[in-house]
PDB file of N, CA and C in Angstrom:
ATOM      1  N   MET A   1     -19.905  -0.650  -3.359  1.00  0.00           N
ATOM      2  CA  MET A   1     -19.439  -1.029  -2.048  1.00  0.00           C
ATOM      3  C   MET A   1     -20.467  -1.892  -1.328  1.00  0.00           C
ATOM      4  N   ASP A   2     -21.748  -1.587  -1.416  1.00  0.00           N
ATOM      5  CA  ASP A   2     -22.755  -2.385  -0.745  1.00  0.00           C
ATOM      6  C   ASP A   2     -22.771  -3.817  -1.268  1.00  0.00           C
ATOM      7  N   ARG A   3     -22.593  -3.981  -2.577  1.00  0.00           N
ATOM      8  CA  ARG A   3     -22.585  -5.323  -3.144  1.00  0.00           C
ATOM      9  C   ARG A   3     -21.414  -6.124  -2.587  1.00  0.00           C
ATOM     10  N   PHE A   4     -20.250  -5.492  -2.488  1.00  0.00           N
ATOM     11  CA  PHE A   4     -19.085  -6.163  -1.924  1.00  0.00           C
ATOM     12  C   PHE A   4     -19.348  -6.540  -0.468  1.00  0.00           C
ATOM     13  N   ASN A   5     -19.846  -5.598   0.318  1.00  0.00           N
ATOM     14  CA  ASN A   5     -20.116  -5.873   1.726  1.00  0.00           C
ATOM     15  C   ASN A   5     -21.125  -6.994   1.888  1.00  0.00           C
ATOM     16  N   GLY A   6     -22.163  -7.007   1.072  1.00  0.00           N
ATOM     17  CA  GLY A   6     -23.163  -8.064   1.150  1.00  0.00           C
ATOM     18  C   GLY A   6     -22.567  -9.423   0.864  1.00  0.00           C
ATOM     19  N   ASN A   7     -21.759  -9.520  -0.161  1.00  0.00           N
ATOM     20  CA  ASN A   7     -21.115 -10.786  -0.498  1.00  0.00           C
ATOM     21  C   ASN A   7     -20.131 -11.205   0.574  1.00  0.00           C
ATOM     22  N   PHE A   8     -19.402 -10.250   1.090  1.00  0.00           N
ATOM     23  CA  PHE A   8     -18.420 -10.495   2.135  1.00  0.00           C
ATOM     24  C   PHE A   8     -19.108 -11.074   3.365  1.00  0.00           C
ATOM     25  N   GLY A   9     -20.213 -10.481   3.771  1.00  0.00           N
ATOM     26  CA  GLY A   9     -20.962 -10.962   4.924  1.00  0.00           C
ATOM     27  C   GLY A   9     -21.531 -12.347   4.705  1.00  0.00           C
ATOM     28  N   ALA A  10     -21.942 -12.638   3.483  1.00  0.00           N
ATOM     29  CA  ALA A  10     -22.523 -13.941   3.168  1.00  0.00           C
ATOM     30  C   ALA A  10     -21.505 -15.067   3.303  1.00  0.00           C
ATOM     31  N   LEU A  11     -20.238 -14.752   3.265  1.00  0.00           N
ATOM     32  CA  LEU A  11     -19.187 -15.759   3.363  1.00  0.00           C
ATOM     33  C   LEU A  11     -18.830 -16.116   4.805  1.00  0.00           C
ATOM     34  N   SER A  12     -19.503 -15.522   5.765  1.00  0.00           N
ATOM     35  CA  SER A  12     -19.162 -15.708   7.174  1.00  0.00           C
ATOM     36  C   SER A  12     -19.059 -17.171   7.578  1.00  0.00           C
ATOM     37  N   ASP A  13     -19.926 -18.005   7.072  1.00  0.00           N
ATOM     38  CA  ASP A  13     -19.919 -19.417   7.457  1.00  0.00           C
ATOM     39  C   ASP A  13     -18.710 -20.180   6.935  1.00  0.00           C
ATOM     40  N   VAL A  14     -18.112 -19.728   5.842  1.00  0.00           N
ATOM     41  CA  VAL A  14     -16.982 -20.458   5.265  1.00  0.00           C
ATOM     42  C   VAL A  14     -15.631 -19.824   5.594  1.00  0.00           C
ATOM     43  N   ILE A  15     -15.641 -18.653   6.200  1.00  0.00           N
ATOM     44  CA  ILE A  15     -14.391 -17.996   6.571  1.00  0.00           C
ATOM     45  C   ILE A  15     -13.975 -18.476   7.948  1.00  0.00           C
ATOM     46  N   SER A  16     -12.767 -19.035   8.032  1.00  0.00           N
ATOM     47  CA  SER A  16     -12.294 -19.521   9.325  1.00  0.00           C
ATOM     48  C   SER A  16     -11.474 -18.464  10.062  1.00  0.00           C
ATOM     49  N   VAL A  17     -10.851 -17.562   9.321  1.00  0.00           N
ATOM     50  CA  VAL A  17     -10.058 -16.480   9.905  1.00  0.00           C
ATOM     51  C   VAL A  17     -10.225 -15.258   9.024  1.00  0.00           C
ATOM     52  N   LEU A  18     -10.402 -14.102   9.638  1.00  0.00           N
ATOM     53  CA  LEU A  18     -10.504 -12.850   8.894  1.00  0.00           C
ATOM     54  C   LEU A  18      -9.484 -11.888   9.478  1.00  0.00           C
ATOM     55  N   ILE A  19      -8.513 -11.495   8.680  1.00  0.00           N
ATOM     56  CA  ILE A  19      -7.447 -10.598   9.112  1.00  0.00           C
ATOM     57  C   ILE A  19      -7.790  -9.190   8.659  1.00  0.00           C
ATOM     58  N   ILE A  20      -7.761  -8.233   9.576  1.00  0.00           N
ATOM     59  CA  ILE A  20      -8.053  -6.840   9.271  1.00  0.00           C
ATOM     60  C   ILE A  20      -6.750  -6.061   9.372  1.00  0.00           C
ATOM     61  N   LEU A  21      -6.295  -5.525   8.266  1.00  0.00           N
ATOM     62  CA  LEU A  21      -5.067  -4.741   8.267  1.00  0.00           C
ATOM     63  C   LEU A  21      -5.404  -3.324   8.692  1.00  0.00           C
ATOM     64  N   ARG A  22      -4.773  -2.835   9.738  1.00  0.00           N
ATOM     65  CA  ARG A  22      -5.057  -1.521  10.284  1.00  0.00           C
ATOM     66  C   ARG A  22      -3.837  -0.633  10.122  1.00  0.00           C
ATOM     67  N   THR A  23      -4.035   0.581   9.653  1.00  0.00           N
ATOM     68  CA  THR A  23      -2.950   1.548   9.518  1.00  0.00           C
ATOM     69  C   THR A  23      -3.348   2.825  10.230  1.00  0.00           C
ATOM     70  N   ASP A  24      -2.444   3.345  11.011  1.00  0.00           N
ATOM     71  CA  ASP A  24      -2.670   4.595  11.738  1.00  0.00           C
ATOM     72  C   ASP A  24      -3.119   5.661  10.754  1.00  0.00           C
ATOM     73  N   PRO A  25      -4.232   6.337  11.024  1.00  0.00           N
ATOM     74  CA  PRO A  25      -4.736   7.349  10.085  1.00  0.00           C
ATOM     75  C   PRO A  25      -3.765   8.501   9.883  1.00  0.00           C
ATOM     76  N   ARG A  26      -2.830   8.682  10.794  1.00  0.00           N
ATOM     77  CA  ARG A  26      -1.807   9.715  10.593  1.00  0.00           C
ATOM     78  C   ARG A  26      -0.836   9.289   9.492  1.00  0.00           C
ATOM     79  N   VAL A  27      -0.806   7.996   9.196  1.00  0.00           N
ATOM     80  CA  VAL A  27       0.010   7.474   8.097  1.00  0.00           C
ATOM     81  C   VAL A  27      -0.832   7.393   6.834  1.00  0.00           C
ATOM     82  N   LEU A  28      -2.011   6.822   6.954  1.00  0.00           N
ATOM     83  CA  LEU A  28      -2.889   6.591   5.814  1.00  0.00           C
ATOM     84  C   LEU A  28      -3.780   7.788   5.500  1.00  0.00           C
ATOM     85  N   GLU A  29      -4.061   8.595   6.527  1.00  0.00           N
ATOM     86  CA  GLU A  29      -4.869   9.813   6.422  1.00  0.00           C
ATOM     87  C   GLU A  29      -6.350   9.572   6.192  1.00  0.00           C
ATOM     88  N   ILE A  30      -6.854   8.420   6.558  1.00  0.00           N
ATOM     89  CA  ILE A  30      -8.304   8.185   6.557  1.00  0.00           C
ATOM     90  C   ILE A  30      -8.656   7.278   7.722  1.00  0.00           C
ATOM     91  N   LEU A  31      -9.908   7.305   8.125  1.00  0.00           N
ATOM     92  CA  LEU A  31     -10.405   6.388   9.150  1.00  0.00           C
ATOM     93  C   LEU A  31     -11.363   5.425   8.476  1.00  0.00           C
ATOM     94  N   GLY A  32     -11.143   4.139   8.647  1.00  0.00           N
ATOM     95  CA  GLY A  32     -11.994   3.147   7.998  1.00  0.00           C
ATOM     96  C   GLY A  32     -12.982   2.517   8.947  1.00  0.00           C
ATOM     97  N   THR A  33     -13.835   1.694   8.390  1.00  0.00           N
ATOM     98  CA  THR A  33     -14.858   1.019   9.184  1.00  0.00           C
ATOM     99  C   THR A  33     -14.766  -0.495   9.032  1.00  0.00           C
ATOM    100  N   CYS A  34     -13.634  -0.989   8.574  1.00  0.00           N
ATOM    101  CA  CYS A  34     -13.489  -2.428   8.321  1.00  0.00           C
ATOM    102  C   CYS A  34     -13.752  -3.269   9.565  1.00  0.00           C
ATOM    103  N   THR A  35     -13.215  -2.853  10.703  1.00  0.00           N
ATOM    104  CA  THR A  35     -13.400  -3.644  11.918  1.00  0.00           C
ATOM    105  C   THR A  35     -14.862  -3.674  12.332  1.00  0.00           C
ATOM    106  N   ALA A  36     -15.520  -2.527  12.300  1.00  0.00           N
ATOM    107  CA  ALA A  36     -16.937  -2.473  12.688  1.00  0.00           C
ATOM    108  C   ALA A  36     -17.769  -3.378  11.787  1.00  0.00           C
ATOM    109  N   PHE A  37     -17.514  -3.335  10.491  1.00  0.00           N
ATOM    110  CA  PHE A  37     -18.254  -4.194   9.566  1.00  0.00           C
ATOM    111  C   PHE A  37     -17.956  -5.663   9.828  1.00  0.00           C
ATOM    112  N   ALA A  38     -16.692  -5.979  10.044  1.00  0.00           N
ATOM    113  CA  ALA A  38     -16.321  -7.374  10.306  1.00  0.00           C
ATOM    114  C   ALA A  38     -17.014  -7.892  11.559  1.00  0.00           C
ATOM    115  N   LEU A  39     -17.106  -7.054  12.592  1.00  0.00           N
ATOM    116  CA  LEU A  39     -17.777  -7.466  13.826  1.00  0.00           C
ATOM    117  C   LEU A  39     -19.270  -7.682  13.628  1.00  0.00           C
ATOM    118  N   GLU A  40     -19.864  -6.931  12.716  1.00  0.00           N
ATOM    119  CA  GLU A  40     -21.296  -7.094  12.436  1.00  0.00           C
ATOM    120  C   GLU A  40     -21.596  -8.379  11.685  1.00  0.00           C
ATOM    121  N   THR A  41     -20.641  -8.856  10.914  1.00  0.00           N
ATOM    122  CA  THR A  41     -20.914  -9.961   9.998  1.00  0.00           C
ATOM    123  C   THR A  41     -20.177 -11.258  10.315  1.00  0.00           C
ATOM    124  N   HIS A  42     -19.266 -11.230  11.281  1.00  0.00           N
ATOM    125  CA  HIS A  42     -18.459 -12.423  11.568  1.00  0.00           C
ATOM    126  C   HIS A  42     -18.305 -12.633  13.063  1.00  0.00           C
ATOM    127  N   ASP A  43     -18.052 -13.855  13.446  1.00  0.00           N
ATOM    128  CA  ASP A  43     -17.788 -14.215  14.831  1.00  0.00           C
ATOM    129  C   ASP A  43     -16.479 -13.558  15.268  1.00  0.00           C
ATOM    130  N   ARG A  44     -16.510 -12.832  16.377  1.00  0.00           N
ATOM    131  CA  ARG A  44     -15.338 -12.111  16.886  1.00  0.00           C
ATOM    132  C   ARG A  44     -14.126 -13.038  17.030  1.00  0.00           C
ATOM    133  N   ALA A  45     -14.338 -14.291  17.389  1.00  0.00           N
ATOM    134  CA  ALA A  45     -13.235 -15.229  17.605  1.00  0.00           C
ATOM    135  C   ALA A  45     -12.424 -15.473  16.332  1.00  0.00           C
ATOM    136  N   LYS A  46     -13.010 -15.194  15.161  1.00  0.00           N
ATOM    137  CA  LYS A  46     -12.323 -15.380  13.880  1.00  0.00           C
ATOM    138  C   LYS A  46     -11.523 -14.153  13.458  1.00  0.00           C
ATOM    139  N   LEU A  47     -11.670 -13.046  14.176  1.00  0.00           N
ATOM    140  CA  LEU A  47     -11.128 -11.771  13.724  1.00  0.00           C
ATOM    141  C   LEU A  47      -9.816 -11.416  14.416  1.00  0.00           C
ATOM    142  N   TYR A  48      -8.890 -10.930  13.627  1.00  0.00           N
ATOM    143  CA  TYR A  48      -7.604 -10.458  14.139  1.00  0.00           C
ATOM    144  C   TYR A  48      -7.246  -9.169  13.420  1.00  0.00           C
ATOM    145  N   GLU A  49      -6.671  -8.233  14.157  1.00  0.00           N
ATOM    146  CA  GLU A  49      -6.215  -6.984  13.563  1.00  0.00           C
ATOM    147  C   GLU A  49      -4.689  -6.974  13.533  1.00  0.00           C
ATOM    148  N   VAL A  50      -4.137  -6.464  12.445  1.00  0.00           N
ATOM    149  CA  VAL A  50      -2.695  -6.337  12.302  1.00  0.00           C
ATOM    150  C   VAL A  50      -2.381  -4.865  12.037  1.00  0.00           C
ATOM    151  N   ASP A  51      -1.560  -4.268  12.891  1.00  0.00           N
ATOM    152  CA  ASP A  51      -1.148  -2.884  12.705  1.00  0.00           C
ATOM    153  C   ASP A  51      -0.053  -2.846  11.646  1.00  0.00           C
ATOM    154  N   THR A  52      -0.365  -2.260  10.511  1.00  0.00           N
ATOM    155  CA  THR A  52       0.583  -2.199   9.404  1.00  0.00           C
ATOM    156  C   THR A  52       1.249  -0.825   9.274  1.00  0.00           C
ATOM    157  N   SER A  53       1.043   0.046  10.249  1.00  0.00           N
ATOM    158  CA  SER A  53       1.502   1.438  10.164  1.00  0.00           C
ATOM    159  C   SER A  53       2.986   1.570   9.853  1.00  0.00           C
ATOM    160  N   THR A  54       3.803   0.807  10.529  1.00  0.00           N
ATOM    161  CA  THR A  54       5.252   0.914  10.327  1.00  0.00           C
ATOM    162  C   THR A  54       5.878  -0.410   9.913  1.00  0.00           C
ATOM    163  N   ALA A  55       5.067  -1.441   9.761  1.00  0.00           N
ATOM    164  CA  ALA A  55       5.575  -2.769   9.419  1.00  0.00           C
ATOM    165  C   ALA A  55       5.838  -2.883   7.919  1.00  0.00           C
ATOM    166  N   THR A  56       6.831  -3.669   7.595  1.00  0.00           N
ATOM    167  CA  THR A  56       7.079  -3.982   6.186  1.00  0.00           C
ATOM    168  C   THR A  56       6.035  -5.004   5.750  1.00  0.00           C
ATOM    169  N   PRO A  57       5.857  -5.190   4.448  1.00  0.00           N
ATOM    170  CA  PRO A  57       4.935  -6.240   4.002  1.00  0.00           C
ATOM    171  C   PRO A  57       5.317  -7.619   4.560  1.00  0.00           C
ATOM    172  N   GLU A  58       6.602  -7.886   4.654  1.00  0.00           N
ATOM    173  CA  GLU A  58       7.065  -9.166   5.175  1.00  0.00           C
ATOM    174  C   GLU A  58       6.707  -9.321   6.657  1.00  0.00           C
ATOM    175  N   GLU A  59       6.858  -8.244   7.431  1.00  0.00           N
ATOM    176  CA  GLU A  59       6.498  -8.291   8.848  1.00  0.00           C
ATOM    177  C   GLU A  59       4.997  -8.489   9.020  1.00  0.00           C
ATOM    178  N   SER A  60       4.216  -7.795   8.205  1.00  0.00           N
ATOM    179  CA  SER A  60       2.761  -7.955   8.268  1.00  0.00           C
ATOM    180  C   SER A  60       2.365  -9.382   7.894  1.00  0.00           C
ATOM    181  N   ALA A  61       2.976  -9.917   6.851  1.00  0.00           N
ATOM    182  CA  ALA A  61       2.678 -11.290   6.422  1.00  0.00           C
ATOM    183  C   ALA A  61       3.042 -12.295   7.513  1.00  0.00           C
ATOM    184  N   ALA A  62       4.157 -12.076   8.195  1.00  0.00           N
ATOM    185  CA  ALA A  62       4.562 -12.982   9.276  1.00  0.00           C
ATOM    186  C   ALA A  62       3.563 -12.937  10.424  1.00  0.00           C
ATOM    187  N   ARG A  63       3.065 -11.755  10.735  1.00  0.00           N
ATOM    188  CA  ARG A  63       2.074 -11.612  11.807  1.00  0.00           C
ATOM    189  C   ARG A  63       0.768 -12.312  11.413  1.00  0.00           C
ATOM    190  N   ILE A  64       0.360 -12.152  10.164  1.00  0.00           N
ATOM    191  CA  ILE A  64      -0.850 -12.816   9.675  1.00  0.00           C
ATOM    192  C   ILE A  64      -0.688 -14.327   9.753  1.00  0.00           C
ATOM    193  N   GLN A  65       0.461 -14.819   9.316  1.00  0.00           N
ATOM    194  CA  GLN A  65       0.720 -16.255   9.364  1.00  0.00           C
ATOM    195  C   GLN A  65       0.664 -16.763  10.807  1.00  0.00           C
ATOM    196  N   GLU A  66       1.193 -15.981  11.741  1.00  0.00           N
ATOM    197  CA  GLU A  66       1.155 -16.355  13.157  1.00  0.00           C
ATOM    198  C   GLU A  66      -0.291 -16.500  13.648  1.00  0.00           C
ATOM    199  N   PHE A  67      -1.158 -15.563  13.264  1.00  0.00           N
ATOM    200  CA  PHE A  67      -2.569 -15.653  13.654  1.00  0.00           C
ATOM    201  C   PHE A  67      -3.224 -16.900  13.065  1.00  0.00           C
ATOM    202  N   ILE A  68      -2.965 -17.153  11.786  1.00  0.00           N
ATOM    203  CA  ILE A  68      -3.592 -18.289  11.118  1.00  0.00           C
ATOM    204  C   ILE A  68      -3.127 -19.614  11.727  1.00  0.00           C
ATOM    205  N   GLU A  69      -1.840 -19.740  11.981  1.00  0.00           N
ATOM    206  CA  GLU A  69      -1.300 -20.998  12.493  1.00  0.00           C
ATOM    207  C   GLU A  69      -1.617 -21.233  13.966  1.00  0.00           C
ATOM    208  N   ASN A  70      -1.571 -20.189  14.784  1.00  0.00           N
ATOM    209  CA  ASN A  70      -1.694 -20.354  16.239  1.00  0.00           C
ATOM    210  C   ASN A  70      -3.086 -20.079  16.789  1.00  0.00           C
ATOM    211  N   ARG A  71      -3.909 -19.348  16.040  1.00  0.00           N
ATOM    212  CA  ARG A  71      -5.274 -19.008  16.459  1.00  0.00           C
ATOM    213  C   ARG A  71      -5.360 -18.539  17.918  1.00  0.00           C
ATOM    214  N   PRO A  72      -4.618 -17.478  18.270  1.00  0.00           N
ATOM    215  CA  PRO A  72      -4.745 -16.954  19.633  1.00  0.00           C
ATOM    216  C   PRO A  72      -6.122 -16.314  19.813  1.00  0.00           C
ATOM    217  N   SER A  73      -6.402 -15.861  21.015  1.00  0.00           N
ATOM    218  CA  SER A  73      -7.657 -15.141  21.257  1.00  0.00           C
ATOM    219  C   SER A  73      -7.680 -13.905  20.357  1.00  0.00           C
ATOM    220  N   SER A  74      -8.852 -13.546  19.908  1.00  0.00           N
ATOM    221  CA  SER A  74      -9.000 -12.378  19.043  1.00  0.00           C
ATOM    222  C   SER A  74      -8.429 -11.137  19.718  1.00  0.00           C
ATOM    223  N   ASN A  75      -7.767 -10.302  18.939  1.00  0.00           N
ATOM    224  CA  ASN A  75      -7.208  -9.059  19.463  1.00  0.00           C
ATOM    225  C   ASN A  75      -7.997  -7.840  19.006  1.00  0.00           C
ATOM    226  N   VAL A  76      -9.186  -8.059  18.473  1.00  0.00           N
ATOM    227  CA  VAL A  76      -9.998  -6.954  17.968  1.00  0.00           C
ATOM    228  C   VAL A  76     -10.292  -5.972  19.093  1.00  0.00           C
ATOM    229  N   GLY A  77     -10.071  -4.703  18.795  1.00  0.00           N
ATOM    230  CA  GLY A  77     -10.305  -3.647  19.767  1.00  0.00           C
ATOM    231  C   GLY A  77      -9.040  -3.161  20.449  1.00  0.00           C
ATOM    232  N   LYS A  78      -7.953  -3.874  20.268  1.00  0.00           N
ATOM    233  CA  LYS A  78      -6.684  -3.458  20.877  1.00  0.00           C
ATOM    234  C   LYS A  78      -6.089  -2.257  20.132  1.00  0.00           C
ATOM    235  N   ILE A  79      -6.376  -2.149  18.844  1.00  0.00           N
ATOM    236  CA  ILE A  79      -5.900  -1.010  18.048  1.00  0.00           C
ATOM    237  C   ILE A  79      -7.027   0.014  18.030  1.00  0.00           C
ATOM    238  N   ASP A  80      -6.805   1.149  18.670  1.00  0.00           N
ATOM    239  CA  ASP A  80      -7.849   2.172  18.770  1.00  0.00           C
ATOM    240  C   ASP A  80      -7.293   3.525  18.356  1.00  0.00           C
ATOM    241  N   TRP A  81      -7.337   3.777  17.046  1.00  0.00           N
ATOM    242  CA  TRP A  81      -6.789   5.035  16.525  1.00  0.00           C
ATOM    243  C   TRP A  81      -7.568   6.235  17.040  1.00  0.00           C
ATOM    244  N   LEU A  82      -8.881   6.105  17.171  1.00  0.00           N
ATOM    245  CA  LEU A  82      -9.681   7.241  17.634  1.00  0.00           C
ATOM    246  C   LEU A  82      -9.232   7.696  19.017  1.00  0.00           C
ATOM    247  N   GLN A  83      -9.015   6.752  19.906  1.00  0.00           N
ATOM    248  CA  GLN A  83      -8.565   7.090  21.256  1.00  0.00           C
ATOM    249  C   GLN A  83      -7.185   7.747  21.217  1.00  0.00           C
ATOM    250  N   GLN A  84      -6.296   7.228  20.374  1.00  0.00           N
ATOM    251  CA  GLN A  84      -4.958   7.806  20.277  1.00  0.00           C
ATOM    252  C   GLN A  84      -5.004   9.213  19.686  1.00  0.00           C
ATOM    253  N   LEU A  85      -5.836   9.410  18.662  1.00  0.00           N
ATOM    254  CA  LEU A  85      -5.968  10.735  18.066  1.00  0.00           C
ATOM    255  C   LEU A  85      -6.569  11.722  19.058  1.00  0.00           C
ATOM    256  N   GLU A  86      -7.558  11.270  19.812  1.00  0.00           N
ATOM    257  CA  GLU A  86      -8.177  12.145  20.806  1.00  0.00           C
ATOM    258  C   GLU A  86      -7.173  12.515  21.897  1.00  0.00           C
ATOM    259  N   ALA A  87      -6.398  11.553  22.352  1.00  0.00           N
ATOM    260  CA  ALA A  87      -5.409  11.805  23.401  1.00  0.00           C
ATOM    261  C   ALA A  87      -4.342  12.795  22.952  1.00  0.00           C
ATOM    262  N   SER A  88      -4.057  12.810  21.659  1.00  0.00           N
ATOM    263  CA  SER A  88      -3.043  13.736  21.135  1.00  0.00           C
ATOM    264  C   SER A  88      -3.672  15.002  20.546  1.00  0.00           C
ATOM    265  N   ASN A  89      -4.953  15.217  20.830  1.00  0.00           N
ATOM    266  CA  ASN A  89      -5.693  16.401  20.341  1.00  0.00           C
ATOM    267  C   ASN A  89      -5.659  16.545  18.822  1.00  0.00           C
ATOM    268  N   GLN A  90      -5.679  15.435  18.108  1.00  0.00           N
ATOM    269  CA  GLN A  90      -5.657  15.451  16.648  1.00  0.00           C
ATOM    270  C   GLN A  90      -6.954  14.950  16.033  1.00  0.00           C
ATOM    271  N   LEU A  91      -7.881  14.465  16.826  1.00  0.00           N
ATOM    272  CA  LEU A  91      -9.076  13.822  16.313  1.00  0.00           C
ATOM    273  C   LEU A  91      -9.881  14.730  15.394  1.00  0.00           C
ATOM    274  N   MET A  92     -10.106  15.956  15.784  1.00  0.00           N
ATOM    275  CA  MET A  92     -10.957  16.856  14.986  1.00  0.00           C
ATOM    276  C   MET A  92     -10.353  17.181  13.621  1.00  0.00           C
ATOM    277  N   GLU A  93      -9.059  17.002  13.454  1.00  0.00           N
ATOM    278  CA  GLU A  93      -8.421  17.235  12.148  1.00  0.00           C
ATOM    279  C   GLU A  93      -8.986  16.301  11.091  1.00  0.00           C
ATOM    280  N   TYR A  94      -9.518  15.164  11.501  1.00  0.00           N
ATOM    281  CA  TYR A  94     -10.027  14.169  10.563  1.00  0.00           C
ATOM    282  C   TYR A  94     -11.519  14.332  10.287  1.00  0.00           C
ATOM    283  N   PHE A  95     -12.156  15.284  10.962  1.00  0.00           N
ATOM    284  CA  PHE A  95     -13.583  15.493  10.783  1.00  0.00           C
ATOM    285  C   PHE A  95     -13.900  16.908  10.311  1.00  0.00           C
ATOM    286  N   ARG A  96     -12.905  17.662   9.919  1.00  0.00           N
ATOM    287  CA  ARG A  96     -13.129  18.999   9.384  1.00  0.00           C
ATOM    288  C   ARG A  96     -13.487  18.903   7.915  1.00  0.00           C
ATOM    289  N   ASN A  97     -14.243  19.886   7.446  1.00  0.00           N
ATOM    290  CA  ASN A  97     -14.616  19.924   6.014  1.00  0.00           C
ATOM    291  C   ASN A  97     -13.446  20.261   5.147  1.00  0.00           C
TER     292      ASN A  97
END
C-alpha cells in the first residue's frame, strides 16, 4: 500500500482531475482514508467526491463525466460519513474490536 500511495502522490503534477468514489460505510461497512490522502498529495481544486452509495455504475459515471467536463468548484468535504454516523449514534459500531 505504501508503494502505491507514494507513486500516486508523485503523479500530482500530471493529474488534472482526481475523482474519489465515496460509499456510505453502512453500505460498504468500512471507513476509508482516500479523501484525506488525496488532500495531502493533490491540489484541492482538482478533487471531487462522488457518493456511490445508492447510485448505479452508469449514474456514477455520468457524475464523474460532469465533473471532468464542467470543472465546478471542488466538493471535497461535503460527504461526511463520520458526522452522519455520529448523529445516528452508529459511529462506535465501526470502532469496536
